[in-house]
Amino acid sequence: MSEGAGDYYKGYYIRTVAQPVNHPRNGMTVLFEGKATVSLDPAARFHPVPPDLHLGDDQVFGTEFEAHRYAERVAKRYIDRLEKGG
């Protein structure tokens, strides 16, 4: 599991996590799932807590980087919906 560097977007702090969803066995490759937490508290980035909200569809990716980027994009769409009241 790896944590993203975090990002600020429209006053919210986004924290992403990429975690493996399977383990290498008999030539299998590891795939990663991206998850995100959205917070108004910028200090939250200093306390590693598990994500409390899975945003978006379940997706798996070949690299941790791709999983982080996906989770960040979904979190930004979520914040946009919050701002529109939906």
PDB file of N, CA and C in Angstrom:
ATOM      1  N   MET A   1       0.849  -1.171   0.000  1.00  0.00           N
ATOM      2  CA  MET A   1       0.000   0.000   0.000  1.00  0.00           C
ATOM      3  C   MET A   1       0.891   1.229   0.000  1.00  0.00           C
ATOM      4  N   SER A   2       0.502   2.248  -0.753  1.00  0.00           N
ATOM      5  CA  SER A   2       1.247   3.499  -0.742  1.00  0.00           C
ATOM      6  C   SER A   2       0.272   4.670  -0.669  1.00  0.00           C
ATOM      7  N   GLU A   3       0.718   5.732  -0.032  1.00  0.00           N
ATOM      8  CA  GLU A   3      -0.086   6.945   0.081  1.00  0.00           C
ATOM      9  C   GLU A   3       0.432   7.971  -0.900  1.00  0.00           C
ATOM     10  N   GLY A   4      -0.493   8.707  -1.517  1.00  0.00           N
ATOM     11  CA  GLY A   4      -0.105   9.777  -2.429  1.00  0.00           C
ATOM     12  C   GLY A   4       0.396  10.988  -1.656  1.00  0.00           C
ATOM     13  N   ALA A   5       0.994  11.913  -2.379  1.00  0.00           N
ATOM     14  CA  ALA A   5       1.540  13.117  -1.754  1.00  0.00           C
ATOM     15  C   ALA A   5       0.440  14.047  -1.262  1.00  0.00           C
ATOM     16  N   GLY A   6      -0.757  13.894  -1.765  1.00  0.00           N
ATOM     17  CA  GLY A   6      -1.860  14.753  -1.373  1.00  0.00           C
ATOM     18  C   GLY A   6      -1.979  15.937  -2.314  1.00  0.00           C
ATOM     19  N   ASP A   7      -3.161  16.512  -2.362  1.00  0.00           N
ATOM     20  CA  ASP A   7      -3.411  17.611  -3.273  1.00  0.00           C
ATOM     21  C   ASP A   7      -4.498  18.490  -2.679  1.00  0.00           C
ATOM     22  N   TYR A   8      -4.409  19.788  -2.910  1.00  0.00           N
ATOM     23  CA  TYR A   8      -5.464  20.725  -2.525  1.00  0.00           C
ATOM     24  C   TYR A   8      -6.291  21.027  -3.758  1.00  0.00           C
ATOM     25  N   TYR A   9      -7.599  21.079  -3.562  1.00  0.00           N
ATOM     26  CA  TYR A   9      -8.496  21.379  -4.676  1.00  0.00           C
ATOM     27  C   TYR A   9      -9.719  22.076  -4.122  1.00  0.00           C
ATOM     28  N   LYS A  10      -9.930  23.315  -4.519  1.00  0.00           N
ATOM     29  CA  LYS A  10     -11.097  24.109  -4.123  1.00  0.00           C
ATOM     30  C   LYS A  10     -11.327  24.112  -2.612  1.00  0.00           C
ATOM     31  N   GLY A  11     -10.239  24.224  -1.849  1.00  0.00           N
ATOM     32  CA  GLY A  11     -10.357  24.296  -0.397  1.00  0.00           C
ATOM     33  C   GLY A  11     -10.406  22.952   0.306  1.00  0.00           C
ATOM     34  N   TYR A  12     -10.352  21.877  -0.419  1.00  0.00           N
ATOM     35  CA  TYR A  12     -10.374  20.533   0.158  1.00  0.00           C
ATOM     36  C   TYR A  12      -8.992  19.897   0.011  1.00  0.00           C
ATOM     37  N   TYR A  13      -8.674  19.025   0.937  1.00  0.00           N
ATOM     38  CA  TYR A  13      -7.445  18.255   0.853  1.00  0.00           C
ATOM     39  C   TYR A  13      -7.806  16.849   0.392  1.00  0.00           C
ATOM     40  N   ILE A  14      -7.119  16.364  -0.613  1.00  0.00           N
ATOM     41  CA  ILE A  14      -7.362  15.030  -1.157  1.00  0.00           C
ATOM     42  C   ILE A  14      -6.185  14.138  -0.787  1.00  0.00           C
ATOM     43  N   ARG A  15      -6.474  12.998  -0.206  1.00  0.00           N
ATOM     44  CA  ARG A  15      -5.447  12.014   0.121  1.00  0.00           C
ATOM     45  C   ARG A  15      -5.770  10.733  -0.633  1.00  0.00           C
ATOM     46  N   THR A  16      -4.816  10.210  -1.369  1.00  0.00           N
ATOM     47  CA  THR A  16      -5.047   8.994  -2.143  1.00  0.00           C
ATOM     48  C   THR A  16      -4.224   7.839  -1.587  1.00  0.00           C
ATOM     49  N   VAL A  17      -4.741   6.644  -1.797  1.00  0.00           N
ATOM     50  CA  VAL A  17      -4.075   5.416  -1.378  1.00  0.00           C
ATOM     51  C   VAL A  17      -4.164   4.432  -2.528  1.00  0.00           C
ATOM     52  N   ALA A  18      -3.054   3.772  -2.819  1.00  0.00           N
ATOM     53  CA  ALA A  18      -3.048   2.692  -3.804  1.00  0.00           C
ATOM     54  C   ALA A  18      -2.700   1.412  -3.060  1.00  0.00           C
ATOM     55  N   GLN A  19      -3.543   0.407  -3.217  1.00  0.00           N
ATOM     56  CA  GLN A  19      -3.267  -0.852  -2.535  1.00  0.00           C
ATOM     57  C   GLN A  19      -3.363  -2.012  -3.506  1.00  0.00           C
ATOM     58  N   PRO A  20      -2.520  -3.008  -3.319  1.00  0.00           N
ATOM     59  CA  PRO A  20      -2.555  -4.164  -4.220  1.00  0.00           C
ATOM     60  C   PRO A  20      -3.839  -4.956  -4.015  1.00  0.00           C
ATOM     61  N   VAL A  21      -4.381  -5.473  -5.096  1.00  0.00           N
ATOM     62  CA  VAL A  21      -5.611  -6.260  -4.996  1.00  0.00           C
ATOM     63  C   VAL A  21      -5.375  -7.733  -5.285  1.00  0.00           C
ATOM     64  N   ASN A  22      -4.163  -8.109  -5.657  1.00  0.00           N
ATOM     65  CA  ASN A  22      -3.793  -9.514  -5.756  1.00  0.00           C
ATOM     66  C   ASN A  22      -2.285  -9.628  -5.581  1.00  0.00           C
ATOM     67  N   HIS A  23      -1.823 -10.809  -5.373  1.00  0.00           N
ATOM     68  CA  HIS A  23      -0.395 -11.014  -5.123  1.00  0.00           C
ATOM     69  C   HIS A  23       0.214 -11.829  -6.255  1.00  0.00           C
ATOM     70  N   PRO A  24       1.483 -11.560  -6.560  1.00  0.00           N
ATOM     71  CA  PRO A  24       2.121 -12.323  -7.633  1.00  0.00           C
ATOM     72  C   PRO A  24       2.182 -13.813  -7.287  1.00  0.00           C
ATOM     73  N   ARG A  25       1.706 -14.616  -8.182  1.00  0.00           N
ATOM     74  CA  ARG A  25       1.769 -16.060  -7.994  1.00  0.00           C
ATOM     75  C   ARG A  25       1.723 -16.712  -9.370  1.00  0.00           C
ATOM     76  N   ASN A  26       2.651 -17.554  -9.656  1.00  0.00           N
ATOM     77  CA  ASN A  26       2.673 -18.253 -10.941  1.00  0.00           C
ATOM     78  C   ASN A  26       2.603 -17.295 -12.126  1.00  0.00           C
ATOM     79  N   GLY A  27       3.401 -16.229 -12.067  1.00  0.00           N
ATOM     80  CA  GLY A  27       3.451 -15.301 -13.186  1.00  0.00           C
ATOM     81  C   GLY A  27       2.393 -14.211 -13.169  1.00  0.00           C
ATOM     82  N   MET A  28       1.505 -14.200 -12.178  1.00  0.00           N
ATOM     83  CA  MET A  28       0.498 -13.134 -12.101  1.00  0.00           C
ATOM     84  C   MET A  28       1.184 -11.820 -11.767  1.00  0.00           C
ATOM     85  N   THR A  29       0.655 -10.744 -12.272  1.00  0.00           N
ATOM     86  CA  THR A  29       1.181  -9.429 -11.920  1.00  0.00           C
ATOM     87  C   THR A  29       0.305  -8.819 -10.837  1.00  0.00           C
ATOM     88  N   VAL A  30       0.876  -7.901 -10.072  1.00  0.00           N
ATOM     89  CA  VAL A  30       0.119  -7.204  -9.038  1.00  0.00           C
ATOM     90  C   VAL A  30      -0.682  -6.090  -9.691  1.00  0.00           C
ATOM     91  N   LEU A  31      -1.934  -5.986  -9.324  1.00  0.00           N
ATOM     92  CA  LEU A  31      -2.774  -4.877  -9.763  1.00  0.00           C
ATOM     93  C   LEU A  31      -3.073  -4.011  -8.547  1.00  0.00           C
ATOM     94  N   PHE A  32      -3.358  -2.727  -8.795  1.00  0.00           N
ATOM     95  CA  PHE A  32      -3.584  -1.784  -7.707  1.00  0.00           C
ATOM     96  C   PHE A  32      -4.949  -1.124  -7.842  1.00  0.00           C
ATOM     97  N   GLU A  33      -5.578  -0.907  -6.697  1.00  0.00           N
ATOM     98  CA  GLU A  33      -6.840  -0.192  -6.637  1.00  0.00           C
ATOM     99  C   GLU A  33      -6.579   1.158  -5.987  1.00  0.00           C
ATOM    100  N   GLY A  34      -7.175   2.225  -6.532  1.00  0.00           N
ATOM    101  CA  GLY A  34      -7.008   3.554  -5.968  1.00  0.00           C
ATOM    102  C   GLY A  34      -8.219   3.951  -5.157  1.00  0.00           C
ATOM    103  N   LYS A  35      -7.970   4.556  -3.988  1.00  0.00           N
ATOM    104  CA  LYS A  35      -9.037   5.065  -3.124  1.00  0.00           C
ATOM    105  C   LYS A  35      -8.650   6.471  -2.694  1.00  0.00           C
ATOM    106  N   ALA A  36      -9.643   7.262  -2.295  1.00  0.00           N
ATOM    107  CA  ALA A  36      -9.358   8.634  -1.882  1.00  0.00           C
ATOM    108  C   ALA A  36     -10.191   9.018  -0.676  1.00  0.00           C
ATOM    109  N   THR A  37      -9.649   9.942   0.102  1.00  0.00           N
ATOM    110  CA  THR A  37     -10.369  10.583   1.191  1.00  0.00           C
ATOM    111  C   THR A  37     -10.333  12.080   0.932  1.00  0.00           C
ATOM    112  N   VAL A  38     -11.463  12.741   1.158  1.00  0.00           N
ATOM    113  CA  VAL A  38     -11.563  14.186   0.997  1.00  0.00           C
ATOM    114  C   VAL A  38     -11.777  14.786   2.377  1.00  0.00           C
ATOM    115  N   SER A  39     -11.008  15.835   2.697  1.00  0.00           N
ATOM    116  CA  SER A  39     -11.078  16.438   4.015  1.00  0.00           C
ATOM    117  C   SER A  39     -10.959  17.950   3.911  1.00  0.00           C
ATOM    118  N   LEU A  40     -11.594  18.655   4.834  1.00  0.00           N
ATOM    119  CA  LEU A  40     -11.406  20.106   4.938  1.00  0.00           C
ATOM    120  C   LEU A  40     -10.245  20.441   5.869  1.00  0.00           C
ATOM    121  N   ASP A  41      -9.695  19.452   6.553  1.00  0.00           N
ATOM    122  CA  ASP A  41      -8.628  19.654   7.525  1.00  0.00           C
ATOM    123  C   ASP A  41      -7.277  19.358   6.890  1.00  0.00           C
ATOM    124  N   PRO A  42      -6.475  20.370   6.586  1.00  0.00           N
ATOM    125  CA  PRO A  42      -5.185  20.116   5.950  1.00  0.00           C
ATOM    126  C   PRO A  42      -4.215  19.347   6.845  1.00  0.00           C
ATOM    127  N   ALA A  43      -4.417  19.375   8.159  1.00  0.00           N
ATOM    128  CA  ALA A  43      -3.532  18.636   9.056  1.00  0.00           C
ATOM    129  C   ALA A  43      -3.754  17.132   8.948  1.00  0.00           C
ATOM    130  N   ALA A  44      -4.840  16.721   8.339  1.00  0.00           N
ATOM    131  CA  ALA A  44      -5.147  15.288   8.221  1.00  0.00           C
ATOM    132  C   ALA A  44      -4.056  14.550   7.468  1.00  0.00           C
ATOM    133  N   ARG A  45      -3.315  15.252   6.620  1.00  0.00           N
ATOM    134  CA  ARG A  45      -2.278  14.584   5.841  1.00  0.00           C
ATOM    135  C   ARG A  45      -1.145  14.067   6.712  1.00  0.00           C
ATOM    136  N   PHE A  46      -1.047  14.566   7.927  1.00  0.00           N
ATOM    137  CA  PHE A  46       0.025  14.143   8.811  1.00  0.00           C
ATOM    138  C   PHE A  46      -0.359  12.925   9.649  1.00  0.00           C
ATOM    139  N   HIS A  47      -1.593  12.513   9.577  1.00  0.00           N
ATOM    140  CA  HIS A  47      -2.076  11.367  10.344  1.00  0.00           C
ATOM    141  C   HIS A  47      -2.535  10.289   9.378  1.00  0.00           C
ATOM    142  N   PRO A  48      -1.733   9.242   9.199  1.00  0.00           N
ATOM    143  CA  PRO A  48      -2.138   8.197   8.255  1.00  0.00           C
ATOM    144  C   PRO A  48      -3.335   7.410   8.772  1.00  0.00           C
ATOM    145  N   VAL A  49      -4.475   7.699   8.255  1.00  0.00           N
ATOM    146  CA  VAL A  49      -5.700   6.996   8.613  1.00  0.00           C
ATOM    147  C   VAL A  49      -6.240   6.314   7.369  1.00  0.00           C
ATOM    148  N   PRO A  50      -6.908   5.187   7.534  1.00  0.00           N
ATOM    149  CA  PRO A  50      -7.449   4.524   6.352  1.00  0.00           C
ATOM    150  C   PRO A  50      -8.527   5.385   5.696  1.00  0.00           C
ATOM    151  N   PRO A  51      -8.660   5.304   4.385  1.00  0.00           N
ATOM    152  CA  PRO A  51      -9.695   6.087   3.706  1.00  0.00           C
ATOM    153  C   PRO A  51     -11.080   5.703   4.225  1.00  0.00           C
ATOM    154  N   ASP A  52     -11.900   6.702   4.520  1.00  0.00           N
ATOM    155  CA  ASP A  52     -13.232   6.405   5.039  1.00  0.00           C
ATOM    156  C   ASP A  52     -14.298   6.463   3.956  1.00  0.00           C
ATOM    157  N   LEU A  53     -13.909   6.832   2.763  1.00  0.00           N
ATOM    158  CA  LEU A  53     -14.891   6.951   1.694  1.00  0.00           C
ATOM    159  C   LEU A  53     -14.255   6.515   0.392  1.00  0.00           C
ATOM    160  N   HIS A  54     -14.825   5.484  -0.203  1.00  0.00           N
ATOM    161  CA  HIS A  54     -14.327   5.043  -1.515  1.00  0.00           C
ATOM    162  C   HIS A  54     -15.099   5.822  -2.562  1.00  0.00           C
ATOM    163  N   LEU A  55     -14.393   6.535  -3.377  1.00  0.00           N
ATOM    164  CA  LEU A  55     -15.028   7.418  -4.349  1.00  0.00           C
ATOM    165  C   LEU A  55     -14.972   6.799  -5.732  1.00  0.00           C
ATOM    166  N   GLY A  56     -16.098   6.710  -6.384  1.00  0.00           N
ATOM    167  CA  GLY A  56     -16.106   6.262  -7.775  1.00  0.00           C
ATOM    168  C   GLY A  56     -16.209   4.761  -7.938  1.00  0.00           C
ATOM    169  N   ASP A  57     -16.071   4.344  -9.171  1.00  0.00           N
ATOM    170  CA  ASP A  57     -16.178   2.934  -9.514  1.00  0.00           C
ATOM    171  C   ASP A  57     -14.924   2.185  -9.113  1.00  0.00           C
ATOM    172  N   ASP A  58     -15.076   0.899  -8.888  1.00  0.00           N
ATOM    173  CA  ASP A  58     -13.910   0.056  -8.626  1.00  0.00           C
ATOM    174  C   ASP A  58     -13.123  -0.086  -9.912  1.00  0.00           C
ATOM    175  N   GLN A  59     -11.868   0.249  -9.852  1.00  0.00           N
ATOM    176  CA  GLN A  59     -10.973   0.145 -11.003  1.00  0.00           C
ATOM    177  C   GLN A  59      -9.646  -0.401 -10.518  1.00  0.00           C
ATOM    178  N   VAL A  60      -9.012  -1.199 -11.352  1.00  0.00           N
ATOM    179  CA  VAL A  60      -7.682  -1.680 -11.015  1.00  0.00           C
ATOM    180  C   VAL A  60      -6.706  -1.270 -12.107  1.00  0.00           C
ATOM    181  N   PHE A  61      -5.449  -1.040 -11.703  1.00  0.00           N
ATOM    182  CA  PHE A  61      -4.442  -0.514 -12.604  1.00  0.00           C
ATOM    183  C   PHE A  61      -3.149  -1.290 -12.441  1.00  0.00           C
ATOM    184  N   GLY A  62      -2.308  -1.225 -13.443  1.00  0.00           N
ATOM    185  CA  GLY A  62      -1.036  -1.942 -13.446  1.00  0.00           C
ATOM    186  C   GLY A  62       0.037  -1.298 -12.593  1.00  0.00           C
ATOM    187  N   THR A  63      -0.109  -0.005 -12.265  1.00  0.00           N
ATOM    188  CA  THR A  63       0.891   0.669 -11.434  1.00  0.00           C
ATOM    189  C   THR A  63       0.218   1.454 -10.317  1.00  0.00           C
ATOM    190  N   GLU A  64       0.974   1.677  -9.253  1.00  0.00           N
ATOM    191  CA  GLU A  64       0.461   2.489  -8.148  1.00  0.00           C
ATOM    192  C   GLU A  64       0.187   3.920  -8.622  1.00  0.00           C
ATOM    193  N   PHE A  65       1.059   4.445  -9.466  1.00  0.00           N
ATOM    194  CA  PHE A  65       0.899   5.805  -9.969  1.00  0.00           C
ATOM    195  C   PHE A  65      -0.460   5.979 -10.650  1.00  0.00           C
ATOM    196  N   GLU A  66      -0.814   5.039 -11.525  1.00  0.00           N
ATOM    197  CA  GLU A  66      -2.102   5.125 -12.218  1.00  0.00           C
ATOM    198  C   GLU A  66      -3.264   5.069 -11.234  1.00  0.00           C
ATOM    199  N   ALA A  67      -3.154   4.232 -10.210  1.00  0.00           N
ATOM    200  CA  ALA A  67      -4.211   4.126  -9.213  1.00  0.00           C
ATOM    201  C   ALA A  67      -4.365   5.434  -8.439  1.00  0.00           C
ATOM    202  N   HIS A  68      -3.232   6.072  -8.087  1.00  0.00           N
ATOM    203  CA  HIS A  68      -3.290   7.370  -7.393  1.00  0.00           C
ATOM    204  C   HIS A  68      -3.938   8.432  -8.276  1.00  0.00           C
ATOM    205  N   ARG A  69      -3.537   8.490  -9.529  1.00  0.00           N
ATOM    206  CA  ARG A  69      -4.076   9.506 -10.442  1.00  0.00           C
ATOM    207  C   ARG A  69      -5.585   9.326 -10.634  1.00  0.00           C
ATOM    208  N   TYR A  70      -6.020   8.085 -10.763  1.00  0.00           N
ATOM    209  CA  TYR A  70      -7.447   7.812 -10.910  1.00  0.00           C
ATOM    210  C   TYR A  70      -8.208   8.284  -9.672  1.00  0.00           C
ATOM    211  N   ALA A  71      -7.718   7.921  -8.493  1.00  0.00           N
ATOM    212  CA  ALA A  71      -8.393   8.301  -7.255  1.00  0.00           C
ATOM    213  C   ALA A  71      -8.460   9.825  -7.118  1.00  0.00           C
ATOM    214  N   GLU A  72      -7.403  10.507  -7.519  1.00  0.00           N
ATOM    215  CA  GLU A  72      -7.395  11.975  -7.458  1.00  0.00           C
ATOM    216  C   GLU A  72      -8.445  12.574  -8.394  1.00  0.00           C
ATOM    217  N   ARG A  73      -8.533  12.061  -9.606  1.00  0.00           N
ATOM    218  CA  ARG A  73      -9.541  12.568 -10.564  1.00  0.00           C
ATOM    219  C   ARG A  73     -10.960  12.348 -10.050  1.00  0.00           C
ATOM    220  N   VAL A  74     -11.222  11.177  -9.494  1.00  0.00           N
ATOM    221  CA  VAL A  74     -12.547  10.878  -8.974  1.00  0.00           C
ATOM    222  C   VAL A  74     -12.867  11.780  -7.787  1.00  0.00           C
ATOM    223  N   ALA A  75     -11.890  12.022  -6.914  1.00  0.00           N
ATOM    224  CA  ALA A  75     -12.103  12.898  -5.763  1.00  0.00           C
ATOM    225  C   ALA A  75     -12.437  14.316  -6.219  1.00  0.00           C
ATOM    226  N   LYS A  76     -11.763  14.799  -7.257  1.00  0.00           N
ATOM    227  CA  LYS A  76     -12.057  16.148  -7.772  1.00  0.00           C
ATOM    228  C   LYS A  76     -13.463  16.216  -8.349  1.00  0.00           C
ATOM    229  N   ARG A  77     -13.907  15.170  -9.032  1.00  0.00           N
ATOM    230  CA  ARG A  77     -15.287  15.149  -9.528  1.00  0.00           C
ATOM    231  C   ARG A  77     -16.274  15.159  -8.367  1.00  0.00           C
ATOM    232  N   TYR A  78     -15.941  14.435  -7.307  1.00  0.00           N
ATOM    233  CA  TYR A  78     -16.780  14.401  -6.112  1.00  0.00           C
ATOM    234  C   TYR A  78     -16.895  15.793  -5.491  1.00  0.00           C
ATOM    235  N   ILE A  79     -15.783  16.503  -5.360  1.00  0.00           N
ATOM    236  CA  ILE A  79     -15.784  17.860  -4.810  1.00  0.00           C
ATOM    237  C   ILE A  79     -16.605  18.792  -5.703  1.00  0.00           C
ATOM    238  N   ASP A  80     -16.460  18.661  -7.010  1.00  0.00           N
ATOM    239  CA  ASP A  80     -17.266  19.475  -7.928  1.00  0.00           C
ATOM    240  C   ASP A  80     -18.753  19.245  -7.697  1.00  0.00           C
ATOM    241  N   ARG A  81     -19.148  17.989  -7.487  1.00  0.00           N
ATOM    242  CA  ARG A  81     -20.563  17.688  -7.210  1.00  0.00           C
ATOM    243  C   ARG A  81     -20.998  18.294  -5.885  1.00  0.00           C
ATOM    244  N   LEU A  82     -20.125  18.250  -4.876  1.00  0.00           N
ATOM    245  CA  LEU A  82     -20.450  18.858  -3.595  1.00  0.00           C
ATOM    246  C   LEU A  82     -20.737  20.345  -3.744  1.00  0.00           C
ATOM    247  N   GLU A  83     -19.890  21.021  -4.525  1.00  0.00           N
ATOM    248  CA  GLU A  83     -20.042  22.462  -4.722  1.00  0.00           C
ATOM    249  C   GLU A  83     -21.330  22.812  -5.462  1.00  0.00           C
ATOM    250  N   LYS A  84     -21.783  21.906  -6.307  1.00  0.00           N
ATOM    251  CA  LYS A  84     -23.020  22.150  -7.053  1.00  0.00           C
ATOM    252  C   LYS A  84     -24.254  21.754  -6.232  1.00  0.00           C
ATOM    253  N   GLY A  85     -24.019  21.193  -5.034  1.00  0.00           N
ATOM    254  CA  GLY A  85     -25.133  20.829  -4.169  1.00  0.00           C
ATOM    255  C   GLY A  85     -25.705  19.459  -4.488  1.00  0.00           C
ATOM    256  N   GLY A  86     -24.950  18.624  -5.198  1.00  0.00           N
ATOM    257  CA  GLY A  86     -25.494  17.314  -5.561  1.00  0.00           C
ATOM    258  C   GLY A  86     -24.667  16.294  -5.047  1.00  0.00           C
TER     259      GLY A  86
END
